[in-house]
């Protein structure tokens, strides 16, 4: 491989890894278990009027 081709390949590989990492973290944050914990925390901290 030539140097520009290698740089493009490495750039593509890093962008793919970053995209998959972001997608998996967003998916884990939107899971029902995690969302339920957040809702319980928000409900327990809000004062009742």
N, C-alpha and C. Protein backbone atom coordinates (compact mmCIF):
# COMPACT_ATOMS: atom_id res chain seq x y z
N UNK A 1 0.83 -1.18 0.00
CA UNK A 1 0.00 0.00 0.00
C UNK A 1 0.87 1.25 0.00
N UNK A 2 0.40 2.24 -0.68
CA UNK A 2 1.12 3.50 -0.67
C UNK A 2 0.74 4.30 0.57
N UNK A 3 1.49 5.32 0.86
CA UNK A 3 1.26 6.11 2.07
C UNK A 3 -0.10 6.80 2.08
N UNK A 4 -0.54 7.50 1.02
CA UNK A 4 -1.88 8.11 1.07
C UNK A 4 -2.99 7.07 1.21
N UNK A 5 -2.80 5.93 0.56
CA UNK A 5 -3.81 4.88 0.66
C UNK A 5 -3.87 4.32 2.07
N UNK A 6 -2.72 4.16 2.70
CA UNK A 6 -2.67 3.67 4.08
C UNK A 6 -3.33 4.67 5.01
N UNK A 7 -3.06 5.95 4.80
CA UNK A 7 -3.66 6.98 5.65
C UNK A 7 -5.18 6.98 5.51
N UNK A 8 -5.68 6.81 4.30
CA UNK A 8 -7.13 6.76 4.10
C UNK A 8 -7.73 5.52 4.75
N UNK A 9 -7.02 4.39 4.66
CA UNK A 9 -7.51 3.17 5.28
C UNK A 9 -7.56 3.30 6.80
N UNK A 10 -6.52 3.86 7.38
CA UNK A 10 -6.49 4.05 8.83
C UNK A 10 -7.58 5.03 9.25
N UNK A 11 -7.77 6.08 8.49
CA UNK A 11 -8.83 7.05 8.80
C UNK A 11 -10.20 6.39 8.73
N UNK A 12 -10.43 5.57 7.74
CA UNK A 12 -11.70 4.86 7.62
C UNK A 12 -11.89 3.90 8.79
N UNK A 13 -10.86 3.17 9.16
CA UNK A 13 -10.97 2.21 10.26
C UNK A 13 -11.26 2.93 11.57
N UNK A 14 -10.60 4.04 11.82
CA UNK A 14 -10.85 4.78 13.05
C UNK A 14 -12.25 5.37 13.09
N UNK A 15 -12.73 5.88 11.95
CA UNK A 15 -14.08 6.44 11.93
C UNK A 15 -15.12 5.34 12.12
N UNK A 16 -14.87 4.17 11.58
CA UNK A 16 -15.79 3.05 11.78
C UNK A 16 -15.83 2.62 13.24
N UNK A 17 -14.68 2.56 13.88
CA UNK A 17 -14.62 2.19 15.29
C UNK A 17 -15.33 3.23 16.15
N UNK A 18 -15.10 4.50 15.86
CA UNK A 18 -15.76 5.56 16.63
C UNK A 18 -17.29 5.52 16.44
N UNK A 19 -17.74 5.28 15.21
CA UNK A 19 -19.17 5.20 14.95
C UNK A 19 -19.80 4.04 15.71
N UNK A 20 -19.15 2.89 15.69
CA UNK A 20 -19.70 1.74 16.42
C UNK A 20 -19.68 1.97 17.92
N UNK A 21 -18.65 2.63 18.43
CA UNK A 21 -18.58 2.92 19.86
C UNK A 21 -19.70 3.86 20.28
N UNK A 22 -19.91 4.91 19.51
CA UNK A 22 -20.98 5.86 19.83
C UNK A 22 -22.34 5.18 19.74
N UNK A 23 -22.54 4.37 18.71
CA UNK A 23 -23.82 3.68 18.55
C UNK A 23 -24.08 2.73 19.72
N UNK A 24 -23.06 1.99 20.15
CA UNK A 24 -23.27 1.05 21.25
C UNK A 24 -23.50 1.78 22.57
N UNK A 25 -22.85 2.93 22.78
CA UNK A 25 -23.07 3.66 24.03
C UNK A 25 -24.46 4.28 24.05
N UNK A 26 -24.93 4.80 22.92
CA UNK A 26 -26.28 5.36 22.86
C UNK A 26 -27.31 4.25 23.06
N UNK A 27 -27.06 3.10 22.48
CA UNK A 27 -27.98 1.97 22.64
C UNK A 27 -28.04 1.52 24.08
N UNK A 28 -26.90 1.48 24.77
CA UNK A 28 -26.91 1.05 26.16
C UNK A 28 -27.58 2.09 27.05
N UNK A 29 -27.46 3.37 26.70
CA UNK A 29 -28.11 4.41 27.51
C UNK A 29 -29.63 4.37 27.34
N UNK A 30 -30.10 3.93 26.19
CA UNK A 30 -31.54 3.91 25.96
C UNK A 30 -32.17 2.57 26.34
N UNK A 31 -31.40 1.68 26.95
CA UNK A 31 -31.98 0.41 27.37
C UNK A 31 -32.97 0.63 28.49
N UNK A 32 -33.98 -0.19 28.61
CA UNK A 32 -35.01 0.02 29.64
C UNK A 32 -34.44 0.02 31.06
N UNK A 33 -33.44 -0.80 31.33
CA UNK A 33 -32.88 -0.87 32.67
C UNK A 33 -32.24 0.46 33.05
N UNK A 34 -31.47 1.02 32.14
CA UNK A 34 -30.78 2.28 32.43
C UNK A 34 -31.78 3.43 32.52
N UNK A 35 -32.74 3.45 31.63
CA UNK A 35 -33.74 4.51 31.66
C UNK A 35 -34.57 4.44 32.93
N UNK A 36 -34.88 3.24 33.40
CA UNK A 36 -35.63 3.09 34.64
C UNK A 36 -34.88 3.64 35.83
N UNK A 37 -33.57 3.40 35.90
CA UNK A 37 -32.76 3.92 36.99
C UNK A 37 -32.74 5.44 36.96
N UNK A 38 -32.65 6.01 35.76
CA UNK A 38 -32.64 7.47 35.65
C UNK A 38 -33.97 8.06 36.09
N UNK A 39 -35.07 7.41 35.71
CA UNK A 39 -36.38 7.92 36.10
C UNK A 39 -36.58 7.85 37.61
N UNK A 40 -36.12 6.78 38.22
CA UNK A 40 -36.23 6.67 39.68
C UNK A 40 -35.42 7.76 40.35
N UNK A 41 -34.24 8.02 39.85
CA UNK A 41 -33.40 9.05 40.44
C UNK A 41 -34.04 10.44 40.29
N UNK A 42 -34.59 10.72 39.12
CA UNK A 42 -35.23 12.02 38.89
C UNK A 42 -36.46 12.18 39.77
N UNK A 43 -37.26 11.13 39.87
CA UNK A 43 -38.47 11.19 40.68
C UNK A 43 -38.16 11.34 42.16
N UNK A 44 -37.09 10.75 42.62
CA UNK A 44 -36.77 10.84 44.05
C UNK A 44 -36.15 12.18 44.41
N UNK A 45 -35.57 12.89 43.46
CA UNK A 45 -34.93 14.16 43.75
C UNK A 45 -35.85 15.35 43.58
N UNK A 46 -36.95 15.20 42.85
CA UNK A 46 -37.85 16.35 42.65
C UNK A 46 -38.72 16.54 43.88
N UNK A 47 -38.83 17.76 44.36
CA UNK A 47 -39.67 18.00 45.55
C UNK A 47 -41.14 17.90 45.19
N UNK A 48 -41.91 17.37 46.10
CA UNK A 48 -43.37 17.26 45.91
C UNK A 48 -44.02 18.56 46.33
N UNK A 49 -44.93 19.05 45.52
CA UNK A 49 -45.60 20.31 45.84
C UNK A 49 -47.02 20.06 46.30
